[in-house]
């Protein structure tokens, strides 16, 4: 039988591409406060592996969880959803 693994995925925006084969992806989500009901923005930055160095700052990407690649990298860029607009 095939081993089907469901990896965690996140959608975020690339905020840094200065490292070699690594990008920093900012993932934002909205949560509702348990007591007051106000919606809050939670943001987390993931370091993701980009083997071909094609992803640039401002691109919207889909990242997926993988086995540890380095001390901080546990995610890799699965695909680019939207390229950044050139200004």
C-alpha atoms as a PDB file:
ATOM      1  CA  UNK A   1       0.000   0.000   0.000  1.00  0.00           C
ATOM      2  CA  UNK A   2       1.081   3.554  -0.648  1.00  0.00           C
ATOM      3  CA  UNK A   3       2.067   5.562   2.387  1.00  0.00           C
ATOM      4  CA  UNK A   4      -0.153   8.641   2.226  1.00  0.00           C
ATOM      5  CA  UNK A   5       1.102  11.476   4.421  1.00  0.00           C
ATOM      6  CA  UNK A   6      -0.839  14.635   4.975  1.00  0.00           C
ATOM      7  CA  UNK A   7       1.656  17.425   5.493  1.00  0.00           C
ATOM      8  CA  UNK A   8       0.711  20.708   7.121  1.00  0.00           C
ATOM      9  CA  UNK A   9       0.504  23.564   4.638  1.00  0.00           C
ATOM     10  CA  UNK A  10       0.397  27.337   5.073  1.00  0.00           C
ATOM     11  CA  UNK A  11      -0.092  30.261   2.698  1.00  0.00           C
ATOM     12  CA  UNK A  12       1.988  33.362   3.279  1.00  0.00           C
ATOM     13  CA  UNK A  13       3.978  36.226   1.800  1.00  0.00           C
ATOM     14  CA  UNK A  14       7.745  36.209   1.370  1.00  0.00           C
ATOM     15  CA  UNK A  15       9.308  38.992   3.464  1.00  0.00           C
ATOM     16  CA  UNK A  16      13.000  38.148   2.989  1.00  0.00           C
ATOM     17  CA  UNK A  17      15.038  36.301   0.353  1.00  0.00           C
ATOM     18  CA  UNK A  18      18.543  37.400   1.366  1.00  0.00           C
ATOM     19  CA  UNK A  19      19.740  33.935   2.412  1.00  0.00           C
ATOM     20  CA  UNK A  20      20.895  31.285  -0.042  1.00  0.00           C
ATOM     21  CA  UNK A  21      18.148  28.723  -0.764  1.00  0.00           C
ATOM     22  CA  UNK A  22      16.059  30.088   2.137  1.00  0.00           C
ATOM     23  CA  UNK A  23      13.134  32.507   2.278  1.00  0.00           C
ATOM     24  CA  UNK A  24      11.274  33.926   5.267  1.00  0.00           C
ATOM     25  CA  UNK A  25       7.495  33.594   4.891  1.00  0.00           C
ATOM     26  CA  UNK A  26       5.046  35.640   6.980  1.00  0.00           C
ATOM     27  CA  UNK A  27       1.794  33.773   7.676  1.00  0.00           C
ATOM     28  CA  UNK A  28      -1.104  35.812   9.093  1.00  0.00           C
ATOM     29  CA  UNK A  29      -4.304  34.471  10.584  1.00  0.00           C
ATOM     30  CA  UNK A  30      -7.244  35.963  12.464  1.00  0.00           C
ATOM     31  CA  UNK A  31      -8.425  34.499  15.758  1.00  0.00           C
ATOM     32  CA  UNK A  32     -11.315  35.476  17.971  1.00  0.00           C
ATOM     33  CA  UNK A  33     -10.520  36.425  21.566  1.00  0.00           C
ATOM     34  CA  UNK A  34     -12.104  33.874  23.922  1.00  0.00           C
ATOM     35  CA  UNK A  35     -13.614  36.369  26.366  1.00  0.00           C
ATOM     36  CA  UNK A  36     -14.070  39.633  24.499  1.00  0.00           C
ATOM     37  CA  UNK A  37     -14.867  38.334  21.013  1.00  0.00           C
ATOM     38  CA  UNK A  38     -12.530  40.790  19.301  1.00  0.00           C
ATOM     39  CA  UNK A  39     -10.678  39.490  16.263  1.00  0.00           C
ATOM     40  CA  UNK A  40      -6.895  39.606  16.584  1.00  0.00           C
ATOM     41  CA  UNK A  41      -4.210  39.199  13.934  1.00  0.00           C
ATOM     42  CA  UNK A  42      -1.643  36.546  14.734  1.00  0.00           C
ATOM     43  CA  UNK A  43       1.511  36.495  12.624  1.00  0.00           C
ATOM     44  CA  UNK A  44       4.314  33.965  12.508  1.00  0.00           C
ATOM     45  CA  UNK A  45       7.439  33.859  10.362  1.00  0.00           C
ATOM     46  CA  UNK A  46       8.642  30.551   8.923  1.00  0.00           C
ATOM     47  CA  UNK A  47      11.992  29.875   7.285  1.00  0.00           C
ATOM     48  CA  UNK A  48      11.324  27.803   4.185  1.00  0.00           C
ATOM     49  CA  UNK A  49      13.665  25.990   1.808  1.00  0.00           C
ATOM     50  CA  UNK A  50      13.693  27.291  -1.786  1.00  0.00           C
ATOM     51  CA  UNK A  51      16.046  25.035  -3.741  1.00  0.00           C
ATOM     52  CA  UNK A  52      16.074  27.046  -6.971  1.00  0.00           C
ATOM     53  CA  UNK A  53      16.175  30.566  -5.438  1.00  0.00           C
ATOM     54  CA  UNK A  54      13.282  31.666  -7.699  1.00  0.00           C
ATOM     55  CA  UNK A  55      10.949  33.103  -5.040  1.00  0.00           C
ATOM     56  CA  UNK A  56      11.272  36.854  -4.430  1.00  0.00           C
ATOM     57  CA  UNK A  57      10.049  39.316  -1.768  1.00  0.00           C
ATOM     58  CA  UNK A  58       6.307  39.971  -2.064  1.00  0.00           C
ATOM     59  CA  UNK A  59       5.427  36.637  -3.680  1.00  0.00           C
ATOM     60  CA  UNK A  60       2.531  34.684  -2.196  1.00  0.00           C
ATOM     61  CA  UNK A  61       3.632  31.082  -1.655  1.00  0.00           C
ATOM     62  CA  UNK A  62       2.344  27.770  -0.375  1.00  0.00           C
ATOM     63  CA  UNK A  63       4.749  26.141   2.081  1.00  0.00           C
ATOM     64  CA  UNK A  64       4.565  22.604   3.400  1.00  0.00           C
ATOM     65  CA  UNK A  65       6.059  20.919   6.418  1.00  0.00           C
ATOM     66  CA  UNK A  66       9.044  18.643   5.901  1.00  0.00           C
ATOM     67  CA  UNK A  67      11.714  16.896   7.918  1.00  0.00           C
ATOM     68  CA  UNK A  68      14.324  19.233   9.446  1.00  0.00           C
ATOM     69  CA  UNK A  69      16.653  20.704   6.826  1.00  0.00           C
ATOM     70  CA  UNK A  70      18.684  22.864   9.226  1.00  0.00           C
ATOM     71  CA  UNK A  71      18.440  24.278  12.738  1.00  0.00           C
ATOM     72  CA  UNK A  72      15.556  26.610  11.844  1.00  0.00           C
ATOM     73  CA  UNK A  73      14.144  25.202   8.592  1.00  0.00           C
ATOM     74  CA  UNK A  74      11.295  22.701   8.807  1.00  0.00           C
ATOM     75  CA  UNK A  75       9.266  23.995   5.823  1.00  0.00           C
ATOM     76  CA  UNK A  76       9.771  24.099   2.065  1.00  0.00           C
ATOM     77  CA  UNK A  77       8.199  26.151  -0.698  1.00  0.00           C
ATOM     78  CA  UNK A  78       5.703  23.898  -2.473  1.00  0.00           C
ATOM     79  CA  UNK A  79       4.521  26.401  -5.092  1.00  0.00           C
ATOM     80  CA  UNK A  80       4.258  30.081  -5.915  1.00  0.00           C
ATOM     81  CA  UNK A  81       0.643  31.200  -5.943  1.00  0.00           C
ATOM     82  CA  UNK A  82       1.059  34.852  -6.940  1.00  0.00           C
ATOM     83  CA  UNK A  83       4.125  36.750  -8.131  1.00  0.00           C
ATOM     84  CA  UNK A  84       4.870  40.186  -6.660  1.00  0.00           C
ATOM     85  CA  UNK A  85       3.966  43.159  -8.825  1.00  0.00           C
ATOM     86  CA  UNK A  86       7.025  45.019 -10.084  1.00  0.00           C
ATOM     87  CA  UNK A  87       7.154  48.675  -9.059  1.00  0.00           C
END
